[in-house]
Amino acid sequence: MAGLDDFLEELKKAVVNFKTLEITTAVGPITWDATKQEYVPVADSTIKAMKTKIDLFEGDMTTHMDPEFATGALQSLRDYHLKTQSDGHDLIKKNVDALESLVGLTKLLKKGG
């Protein structure tokens, strides 16, 4: 069952890479990156950003923000970022449940049904 074994290896990699959740809210000019097929920030000094990293195994959380998010014109986006952070926790729970289901399914398939 080479295909199933390959799938299990990819599933293991996904679990290992699941360690950190990063949430970034950035305001500033963007440009289309044809290679990535997505919009990306233009790297210049006008970018204002807020970034949160959550270590899912240790529970540590670190947030960095431009002062504009704390006391300036971007305070409402700080609230948006915090809501996104909360939504991220819900998404993680759903993803963990889905991974558990996939692991159970692959165990059944390996046993033959």
Protein backbone atom coordinates (compact mmCIF):
# COMPACT_ATOMS: atom_id res chain seq x y z
CA MET A 1 0.00 0.00 0.00
CA ALA A 2 2.59 2.51 -1.14
CA GLY A 3 -0.01 5.23 -1.73
CA LEU A 4 -1.36 4.88 1.80
CA ASP A 5 2.14 4.86 3.29
CA ASP A 6 2.97 8.04 1.35
CA PHE A 7 -0.22 9.61 2.66
CA LEU A 8 0.69 8.66 6.23
CA GLU A 9 4.11 10.26 5.82
CA GLU A 10 2.51 13.48 4.57
CA LEU A 11 0.09 13.36 7.49
CA LYS A 12 3.00 13.00 9.94
CA LYS A 13 4.73 16.01 8.36
CA ALA A 14 1.53 18.05 8.70
CA VAL A 15 1.33 17.25 12.41
CA VAL A 16 4.98 18.23 12.95
CA ASN A 17 4.50 21.50 11.02
CA PHE A 18 1.38 22.20 13.06
CA LYS A 19 3.46 23.55 15.96
CA THR A 20 3.11 27.28 15.38
CA LEU A 21 0.19 29.44 14.30
CA GLU A 22 1.15 32.84 12.90
CA ILE A 23 -1.39 35.61 12.40
CA THR A 24 -0.34 38.79 10.63
CA THR A 25 -2.37 41.94 10.05
CA ALA A 26 -0.59 44.44 7.81
CA VAL A 27 -1.60 47.76 6.33
CA GLY A 28 0.24 49.31 3.43
CA PRO A 29 0.83 49.05 -0.28
CA ILE A 30 0.55 45.61 -1.91
CA THR A 31 1.50 44.17 -5.27
CA TRP A 32 0.53 41.07 -7.26
CA ASP A 33 3.16 38.29 -7.16
CA ALA A 34 2.57 36.23 -10.31
CA THR A 35 4.86 33.45 -9.10
CA LYS A 36 2.98 32.96 -5.83
CA GLN A 37 -0.38 33.90 -7.39
CA GLU A 38 -1.21 36.18 -4.47
CA TYR A 39 -0.97 39.76 -3.29
CA VAL A 40 2.09 40.52 -1.16
CA PRO A 41 3.13 43.62 0.79
CA VAL A 42 5.52 46.03 -0.84
CA ALA A 43 8.58 46.04 1.40
CA ASP A 44 8.96 49.64 2.46
CA SER A 45 8.79 51.74 5.60
CA THR A 46 5.10 52.60 5.20
CA ILE A 47 3.96 49.07 6.15
CA LYS A 48 2.30 48.94 9.57
CA ALA A 49 1.98 45.41 10.93
CA MET A 50 0.81 43.41 13.90
CA LYS A 51 1.96 39.80 14.21
CA THR A 52 1.05 37.08 16.69
CA LYS A 53 2.83 33.74 17.03
CA ILE A 54 1.19 30.99 19.07
CA ASP A 55 3.18 27.89 20.02
CA LEU A 56 0.48 25.24 19.95
CA PHE A 57 2.45 22.71 21.99
CA GLU A 58 3.76 25.02 24.72
CA GLY A 59 0.88 27.49 24.75
CA ASP A 60 3.21 30.50 24.49
CA MET A 61 1.88 33.52 22.60
CA THR A 62 3.86 36.53 21.41
CA THR A 63 2.39 39.62 19.75
CA HIS A 64 4.36 42.42 18.12
CA MET A 65 2.71 45.56 16.79
CA ASP A 66 3.42 48.94 15.35
CA PRO A 67 2.39 51.66 17.84
CA GLU A 68 -0.37 52.73 15.43
CA PHE A 69 -2.28 49.55 16.42
CA ALA A 70 -2.02 50.41 20.12
CA THR A 71 -2.68 54.14 20.27
CA GLY A 72 -3.11 55.42 16.73
CA ALA A 73 -5.42 55.27 13.77
CA LEU A 74 -5.19 51.48 13.45
CA GLN A 75 -6.77 50.61 16.81
CA SER A 76 -9.87 49.16 15.14
CA LEU A 77 -7.63 46.79 13.16
CA ARG A 78 -6.09 45.64 16.44
CA ASP A 79 -9.57 44.45 17.44
CA TYR A 80 -9.88 42.72 14.05
CA HIS A 81 -6.51 41.02 14.63
CA LEU A 82 -7.63 39.81 18.08
CA LYS A 83 -10.85 38.43 16.55
CA THR A 84 -8.81 36.64 13.90
CA GLN A 85 -6.63 35.24 16.67
CA SER A 86 -9.72 33.90 18.44
CA ASP A 87 -11.05 32.44 15.18
CA GLY A 88 -7.64 30.81 14.72
CA HIS A 89 -8.13 28.85 17.93
CA ASP A 90 -11.44 27.50 16.61
CA LEU A 91 -9.82 26.62 13.29
CA ILE A 92 -7.03 24.75 15.06
CA LYS A 93 -9.57 22.70 17.02
CA LYS A 94 -11.37 21.77 13.80
CA ASN A 95 -8.09 20.88 12.09
CA VAL A 96 -7.00 18.68 15.01
CA ASP A 97 -10.35 16.87 14.88
CA ALA A 98 -9.95 16.37 11.12
CA LEU A 99 -6.39 15.02 11.56
CA GLU A 100 -7.61 12.60 14.24
CA SER A 101 -10.30 11.36 11.86
CA LEU A 102 -7.77 10.91 9.05
CA VAL A 103 -5.42 8.96 11.32
CA GLY A 104 -8.28 6.70 12.39
CA LEU A 105 -9.33 6.18 8.78
CA THR A 106 -5.80 5.30 7.66
CA LYS A 107 -5.48 2.79 10.51
CA LEU A 108 -8.68 1.12 9.33
CA LEU A 109 -7.44 1.06 5.75
CA LYS A 110 -4.10 -0.46 6.77
CA LYS A 111 -5.95 -3.23 8.62
CA GLY A 112 -7.99 -3.92 5.52
CA GLY A 113 -11.30 -2.41 6.29
